[in-house]
Amino acid sequence: MYCGTWLNLDCFYAGADIANICNEAALIAARESATSVALKHFDAAIDRVIAGKHENLKQTENCHTGTV
């Protein structure tokens, strides 16, 4: 299951996105004072990184709608 999750990410996201997810997972684990990074940390990181990416796209689209 764990390997399948990463294979799915590799199909849709660039290497930089995957690196950001790994870094975010480590930060989430550190905030929880965890001794290791678990799958739950990666799940939370995916939600945060991907949702942030979509939020940035929405802000960019809204910024350009009024430009002539």
PDB file of N, CA and C in Angstrom:
ATOM      1  N   MET A   1       0.826  -1.194   0.000  1.00  0.00           N
ATOM      2  CA  MET A   1       0.000   0.000   0.000  1.00  0.00           C
ATOM      3  C   MET A   1       0.869   1.256   0.000  1.00  0.00           C
ATOM      4  N   TYR A   2       1.892   1.263   0.803  1.00  0.00           N
ATOM      5  CA  TYR A   2       2.756   2.427   0.907  1.00  0.00           C
ATOM      6  C   TYR A   2       3.444   2.709  -0.421  1.00  0.00           C
ATOM      7  N   CYS A   3       3.971   1.675  -1.045  1.00  0.00           N
ATOM      8  CA  CYS A   3       4.647   1.838  -2.336  1.00  0.00           C
ATOM      9  C   CYS A   3       3.658   2.301  -3.398  1.00  0.00           C
ATOM     10  N   GLY A   4       2.448   1.770  -3.381  1.00  0.00           N
ATOM     11  CA  GLY A   4       1.433   2.173  -4.338  1.00  0.00           C
ATOM     12  C   GLY A   4       1.094   3.646  -4.230  1.00  0.00           C
ATOM     13  N   THR A   5       1.095   4.176  -3.018  1.00  0.00           N
ATOM     14  CA  THR A   5       0.823   5.595  -2.806  1.00  0.00           C
ATOM     15  C   THR A   5       1.872   6.437  -3.513  1.00  0.00           C
ATOM     16  N   TRP A   6       3.139   6.064  -3.383  1.00  0.00           N
ATOM     17  CA  TRP A   6       4.208   6.825  -4.014  1.00  0.00           C
ATOM     18  C   TRP A   6       4.195   6.677  -5.520  1.00  0.00           C
ATOM     19  N   LEU A   7       3.813   5.506  -6.003  1.00  0.00           N
ATOM     20  CA  LEU A   7       3.725   5.329  -7.447  1.00  0.00           C
ATOM     21  C   LEU A   7       2.645   6.220  -8.042  1.00  0.00           C
ATOM     22  N   ASN A   8       1.536   6.373  -7.336  1.00  0.00           N
ATOM     23  CA  ASN A   8       0.469   7.257  -7.809  1.00  0.00           C
ATOM     24  C   ASN A   8       0.919   8.711  -7.801  1.00  0.00           C
ATOM     25  N   LEU A   9       1.655   9.116  -6.795  1.00  0.00           N
ATOM     26  CA  LEU A   9       2.151  10.494  -6.744  1.00  0.00           C
ATOM     27  C   LEU A   9       3.092  10.769  -7.897  1.00  0.00           C
ATOM     28  N   ASP A  10       3.932   9.813  -8.228  1.00  0.00           N
ATOM     29  CA  ASP A  10       4.935   9.999  -9.267  1.00  0.00           C
ATOM     30  C   ASP A  10       4.288  10.229 -10.632  1.00  0.00           C
ATOM     31  N   CYS A  11       3.104   9.693 -10.838  1.00  0.00           N
ATOM     32  CA  CYS A  11       2.431   9.854 -12.124  1.00  0.00           C
ATOM     33  C   CYS A  11       1.880  11.261 -12.320  1.00  0.00           C
ATOM     34  N   PHE A  12       1.506  11.920 -11.246  1.00  0.00           N
ATOM     35  CA  PHE A  12       0.788  13.188 -11.360  1.00  0.00           C
ATOM     36  C   PHE A  12       1.586  14.419 -10.919  1.00  0.00           C
ATOM     37  N   TYR A  13       2.659  14.229 -10.188  1.00  0.00           N
ATOM     38  CA  TYR A  13       3.380  15.371  -9.636  1.00  0.00           C
ATOM     39  C   TYR A  13       4.850  15.333 -10.011  1.00  0.00           C
ATOM     40  N   ALA A  14       5.436  16.502 -10.077  1.00  0.00           N
ATOM     41  CA  ALA A  14       6.862  16.621 -10.392  1.00  0.00           C
ATOM     42  C   ALA A  14       7.698  16.208  -9.186  1.00  0.00           C
ATOM     43  N   GLY A  15       8.959  15.978  -9.435  1.00  0.00           N
ATOM     44  CA  GLY A  15       9.873  15.607  -8.360  1.00  0.00           C
ATOM     45  C   GLY A  15       9.926  16.648  -7.256  1.00  0.00           C
ATOM     46  N   ALA A  16       9.813  17.912  -7.619  1.00  0.00           N
ATOM     47  CA  ALA A  16       9.830  18.986  -6.610  1.00  0.00           C
ATOM     48  C   ALA A  16       8.617  18.891  -5.702  1.00  0.00           C
ATOM     49  N   ASP A  17       7.455  18.516  -6.255  1.00  0.00           N
ATOM     50  CA  ASP A  17       6.255  18.348  -5.432  1.00  0.00           C
ATOM     51  C   ASP A  17       6.452  17.220  -4.424  1.00  0.00           C
ATOM     52  N   ILE A  18       7.045  16.123  -4.883  1.00  0.00           N
ATOM     53  CA  ILE A  18       7.281  14.991  -3.994  1.00  0.00           C
ATOM     54  C   ILE A  18       8.293  15.365  -2.912  1.00  0.00           C
ATOM     55  N   ALA A  19       9.301  16.135  -3.271  1.00  0.00           N
ATOM     56  CA  ALA A  19      10.276  16.605  -2.281  1.00  0.00           C
ATOM     57  C   ALA A  19       9.600  17.502  -1.251  1.00  0.00           C
ATOM     58  N   ASN A  20       8.704  18.380  -1.703  1.00  0.00           N
ATOM     59  CA  ASN A  20       7.974  19.242  -0.779  1.00  0.00           C
ATOM     60  C   ASN A  20       7.107  18.425   0.170  1.00  0.00           C
ATOM     61  N   ILE A  21       6.489  17.368  -0.346  1.00  0.00           N
ATOM     62  CA  ILE A  21       5.658  16.494   0.496  1.00  0.00           C
ATOM     63  C   ILE A  21       6.528  15.820   1.557  1.00  0.00           C
ATOM     64  N   CYS A  22       7.692  15.334   1.169  1.00  0.00           N
ATOM     65  CA  CYS A  22       8.595  14.693   2.129  1.00  0.00           C
ATOM     66  C   CYS A  22       9.045  15.671   3.208  1.00  0.00           C
ATOM     67  N   ASN A  23       9.415  16.874   2.801  1.00  0.00           N
ATOM     68  CA  ASN A  23       9.836  17.897   3.766  1.00  0.00           C
ATOM     69  C   ASN A  23       8.696  18.274   4.704  1.00  0.00           C
ATOM     70  N   GLU A  24       7.498  18.435   4.160  1.00  0.00           N
ATOM     71  CA  GLU A  24       6.346  18.798   4.985  1.00  0.00           C
ATOM     72  C   GLU A  24       6.007  17.677   5.962  1.00  0.00           C
ATOM     73  N   ALA A  25       6.107  16.422   5.519  1.00  0.00           N
ATOM     74  CA  ALA A  25       5.858  15.285   6.407  1.00  0.00           C
ATOM     75  C   ALA A  25       6.843  15.290   7.574  1.00  0.00           C
ATOM     76  N   ALA A  26       8.096  15.594   7.291  1.00  0.00           N
ATOM     77  CA  ALA A  26       9.102  15.664   8.357  1.00  0.00           C
ATOM     78  C   ALA A  26       8.785  16.785   9.335  1.00  0.00           C
ATOM     79  N   LEU A  27       8.340  17.926   8.820  1.00  0.00           N
ATOM     80  CA  LEU A  27       7.978  19.044   9.699  1.00  0.00           C
ATOM     81  C   LEU A  27       6.784  18.699  10.581  1.00  0.00           C
ATOM     82  N   ILE A  28       5.784  18.045  10.008  1.00  0.00           N
ATOM     83  CA  ILE A  28       4.597  17.654  10.777  1.00  0.00           C
ATOM     84  C   ILE A  28       4.996  16.671  11.875  1.00  0.00           C
ATOM     85  N   ALA A  29       5.843  15.710  11.535  1.00  0.00           N
ATOM     86  CA  ALA A  29       6.303  14.742  12.538  1.00  0.00           C
ATOM     87  C   ALA A  29       7.089  15.434  13.649  1.00  0.00           C
ATOM     88  N   ALA A  30       7.925  16.385  13.293  1.00  0.00           N
ATOM     89  CA  ALA A  30       8.709  17.117  14.295  1.00  0.00           C
ATOM     90  C   ALA A  30       7.810  17.931  15.221  1.00  0.00           C
ATOM     91  N   ARG A  31       6.764  18.542  14.655  1.00  0.00           N
ATOM     92  CA  ARG A  31       5.824  19.312  15.487  1.00  0.00           C
ATOM     93  C   ARG A  31       5.124  18.425  16.509  1.00  0.00           C
ATOM     94  N   GLU A  32       4.927  17.152  16.153  1.00  0.00           N
ATOM     95  CA  GLU A  32       4.287  16.198  17.059  1.00  0.00           C
ATOM     96  C   GLU A  32       5.309  15.517  17.973  1.00  0.00           C
ATOM     97  N   SER A  33       6.558  15.883  17.857  1.00  0.00           N
ATOM     98  CA  SER A  33       7.657  15.258  18.610  1.00  0.00           C
ATOM     99  C   SER A  33       7.723  13.756  18.354  1.00  0.00           C
ATOM    100  N   ALA A  34       7.408  13.355  17.144  1.00  0.00           N
ATOM    101  CA  ALA A  34       7.480  11.945  16.769  1.00  0.00           C
ATOM    102  C   ALA A  34       8.940  11.551  16.579  1.00  0.00           C
ATOM    103  N   THR A  35       9.227  10.285  16.834  1.00  0.00           N
ATOM    104  CA  THR A  35      10.602   9.800  16.666  1.00  0.00           C
ATOM    105  C   THR A  35      10.888   9.388  15.228  1.00  0.00           C
ATOM    106  N   SER A  36       9.828   9.232  14.419  1.00  0.00           N
ATOM    107  CA  SER A  36       9.998   8.903  13.003  1.00  0.00           C
ATOM    108  C   SER A  36       8.818   9.460  12.220  1.00  0.00           C
ATOM    109  N   VAL A  37       8.971   9.504  10.915  1.00  0.00           N
ATOM    110  CA  VAL A  37       7.912   9.995  10.042  1.00  0.00           C
ATOM    111  C   VAL A  37       7.056   8.796   9.633  1.00  0.00           C
ATOM    112  N   ALA A  38       5.767   8.876   9.930  1.00  0.00           N
ATOM    113  CA  ALA A  38       4.848   7.775   9.650  1.00  0.00           C
ATOM    114  C   ALA A  38       3.970   8.112   8.449  1.00  0.00           C
ATOM    115  N   LEU A  39       3.224   7.126   7.998  1.00  0.00           N
ATOM    116  CA  LEU A  39       2.341   7.313   6.855  1.00  0.00           C
ATOM    117  C   LEU A  39       1.315   8.414   7.123  1.00  0.00           C
ATOM    118  N   LYS A  40       0.853   8.541   8.365  1.00  0.00           N
ATOM    119  CA  LYS A  40      -0.115   9.601   8.689  1.00  0.00           C
ATOM    120  C   LYS A  40       0.482  10.987   8.463  1.00  0.00           C
ATOM    121  N   HIS A  41       1.779  11.110   8.673  1.00  0.00           N
ATOM    122  CA  HIS A  41       2.443  12.397   8.437  1.00  0.00           C
ATOM    123  C   HIS A  41       2.501  12.701   6.937  1.00  0.00           C
ATOM    124  N   PHE A  42       2.762  11.661   6.142  1.00  0.00           N
ATOM    125  CA  PHE A  42       2.763  11.849   4.695  1.00  0.00           C
ATOM    126  C   PHE A  42       1.367  12.193   4.180  1.00  0.00           C
ATOM    127  N   ASP A  43       0.343  11.539   4.737  1.00  0.00           N
ATOM    128  CA  ASP A  43      -1.031  11.844   4.322  1.00  0.00           C
ATOM    129  C   ASP A  43      -1.374  13.303   4.616  1.00  0.00           C
ATOM    130  N   ALA A  44      -1.005  13.767   5.802  1.00  0.00           N
ATOM    131  CA  ALA A  44      -1.266  15.160   6.167  1.00  0.00           C
ATOM    132  C   ALA A  44      -0.460  16.108   5.280  1.00  0.00           C
ATOM    133  N   ALA A  45       0.759  15.717   4.962  1.00  0.00           N
ATOM    134  CA  ALA A  45       1.618  16.556   4.112  1.00  0.00           C
ATOM    135  C   ALA A  45       1.069  16.645   2.698  1.00  0.00           C
ATOM    136  N   ILE A  46       0.579  15.543   2.165  1.00  0.00           N
ATOM    137  CA  ILE A  46      -0.019  15.558   0.827  1.00  0.00           C
ATOM    138  C   ILE A  46      -1.199  16.514   0.804  1.00  0.00           C
ATOM    139  N   ASP A  47      -2.054  16.417   1.812  1.00  0.00           N
ATOM    140  CA  ASP A  47      -3.203  17.329   1.878  1.00  0.00           C
ATOM    141  C   ASP A  47      -2.755  18.781   1.927  1.00  0.00           C
ATOM    142  N   ARG A  48      -1.751  19.058   2.712  1.00  0.00           N
ATOM    143  CA  ARG A  48      -1.297  20.441   2.881  1.00  0.00           C
ATOM    144  C   ARG A  48      -0.608  20.974   1.622  1.00  0.00           C
ATOM    145  N   VAL A  49       0.275  20.193   1.046  1.00  0.00           N
ATOM    146  CA  VAL A  49       1.033  20.648  -0.126  1.00  0.00           C
ATOM    147  C   VAL A  49       0.131  20.769  -1.345  1.00  0.00           C
ATOM    148  N   ILE A  50      -0.684  19.772  -1.595  1.00  0.00           N
ATOM    149  CA  ILE A  50      -1.543  19.785  -2.779  1.00  0.00           C
ATOM    150  C   ILE A  50      -2.641  20.819  -2.633  1.00  0.00           C
ATOM    151  N   ALA A  51      -3.240  20.929  -1.460  1.00  0.00           N
ATOM    152  CA  ALA A  51      -4.271  21.946  -1.242  1.00  0.00           C
ATOM    153  C   ALA A  51      -3.675  23.342  -1.374  1.00  0.00           C
ATOM    154  N   GLY A  52      -2.476  23.535  -0.874  1.00  0.00           N
ATOM    155  CA  GLY A  52      -1.807  24.823  -1.004  1.00  0.00           C
ATOM    156  C   GLY A  52      -1.522  25.162  -2.447  1.00  0.00           C
ATOM    157  N   LYS A  53      -1.183  24.158  -3.224  1.00  0.00           N
ATOM    158  CA  LYS A  53      -0.903  24.370  -4.642  1.00  0.00           C
ATOM    159  C   LYS A  53      -2.167  24.807  -5.367  1.00  0.00           C
ATOM    160  N   HIS A  54      -3.287  24.160  -5.066  1.00  0.00           N
ATOM    161  CA  HIS A  54      -4.552  24.528  -5.701  1.00  0.00           C
ATOM    162  C   HIS A  54      -5.018  25.910  -5.235  1.00  0.00           C
ATOM    163  N   GLU A  55      -4.784  26.234  -3.983  1.00  0.00           N
ATOM    164  CA  GLU A  55      -5.161  27.545  -3.459  1.00  0.00           C
ATOM    165  C   GLU A  55      -4.361  28.642  -4.158  1.00  0.00           C
ATOM    166  N   ASN A  56      -3.082  28.399  -4.394  1.00  0.00           N
ATOM    167  CA  ASN A  56      -2.254  29.385  -5.095  1.00  0.00           C
ATOM    168  C   ASN A  56      -2.740  29.586  -6.528  1.00  0.00           C
ATOM    169  N   LEU A  57      -3.185  28.531  -7.182  1.00  0.00           N
ATOM    170  CA  LEU A  57      -3.712  28.653  -8.539  1.00  0.00           C
ATOM    171  C   LEU A  57      -4.989  29.489  -8.550  1.00  0.00           C
ATOM    172  N   LYS A  58      -5.857  29.286  -7.568  1.00  0.00           N
ATOM    173  CA  LYS A  58      -7.094  30.065  -7.488  1.00  0.00           C
ATOM    174  C   LYS A  58      -6.772  31.547  -7.310  1.00  0.00           C
ATOM    175  N   GLN A  59      -5.811  31.854  -6.446  1.00  0.00           N
ATOM    176  CA  GLN A  59      -5.450  33.252  -6.212  1.00  0.00           C
ATOM    177  C   GLN A  59      -4.874  33.869  -7.479  1.00  0.00           C
ATOM    178  N   THR A  60      -4.082  33.125  -8.222  1.00  0.00           N
ATOM    179  CA  THR A  60      -3.499  33.620  -9.459  1.00  0.00           C
ATOM    180  C   THR A  60      -4.592  33.882 -10.501  1.00  0.00           C
ATOM    181  N   GLU A  61      -5.545  32.966 -10.602  1.00  0.00           N
ATOM    182  CA  GLU A  61      -6.648  33.142 -11.560  1.00  0.00           C
ATOM    183  C   GLU A  61      -7.486  34.354 -11.207  1.00  0.00           C
ATOM    184  N   ASN A  62      -7.762  34.564  -9.923  1.00  0.00           N
ATOM    185  CA  ASN A  62      -8.550  35.719  -9.496  1.00  0.00           C
ATOM    186  C   ASN A  62      -7.800  37.019  -9.755  1.00  0.00           C
ATOM    187  N   CYS A  63      -6.508  36.990  -9.643  1.00  0.00           N
ATOM    188  CA  CYS A  63      -5.693  38.181  -9.868  1.00  0.00           C
ATOM    189  C   CYS A  63      -5.738  38.613 -11.334  1.00  0.00           C
ATOM    190  N   HIS A  64      -5.794  37.658 -12.240  1.00  0.00           N
ATOM    191  CA  HIS A  64      -5.724  37.964 -13.665  1.00  0.00           C
ATOM    192  C   HIS A  64      -7.093  38.192 -14.305  1.00  0.00           C
ATOM    193  N   THR A  65      -8.164  37.911 -13.615  1.00  0.00           N
ATOM    194  CA  THR A  65      -9.483  38.059 -14.240  1.00  0.00           C
ATOM    195  C   THR A  65      -9.836  39.515 -14.527  1.00  0.00           C
ATOM    196  N   GLY A  66      -9.343  40.430 -13.721  1.00  0.00           N
ATOM    197  CA  GLY A  66      -9.682  41.832 -13.918  1.00  0.00           C
ATOM    198  C   GLY A  66      -8.708  42.590 -14.803  1.00  0.00           C
ATOM    199  N   THR A  67      -7.656  41.964 -15.244  1.00  0.00           N
ATOM    200  CA  THR A  67      -6.641  42.625 -16.053  1.00  0.00           C
ATOM    201  C   THR A  67      -7.055  42.684 -17.506  1.00  0.00           C
ATOM    202  N   VAL A  68      -6.848  43.848 -18.121  1.00  0.00           N
ATOM    203  CA  VAL A  68      -7.186  44.011 -19.533  1.00  0.00           C
ATOM    204  C   VAL A  68      -5.923  44.085 -20.344  1.00  0.00           C
TER     205      VAL A  68
END
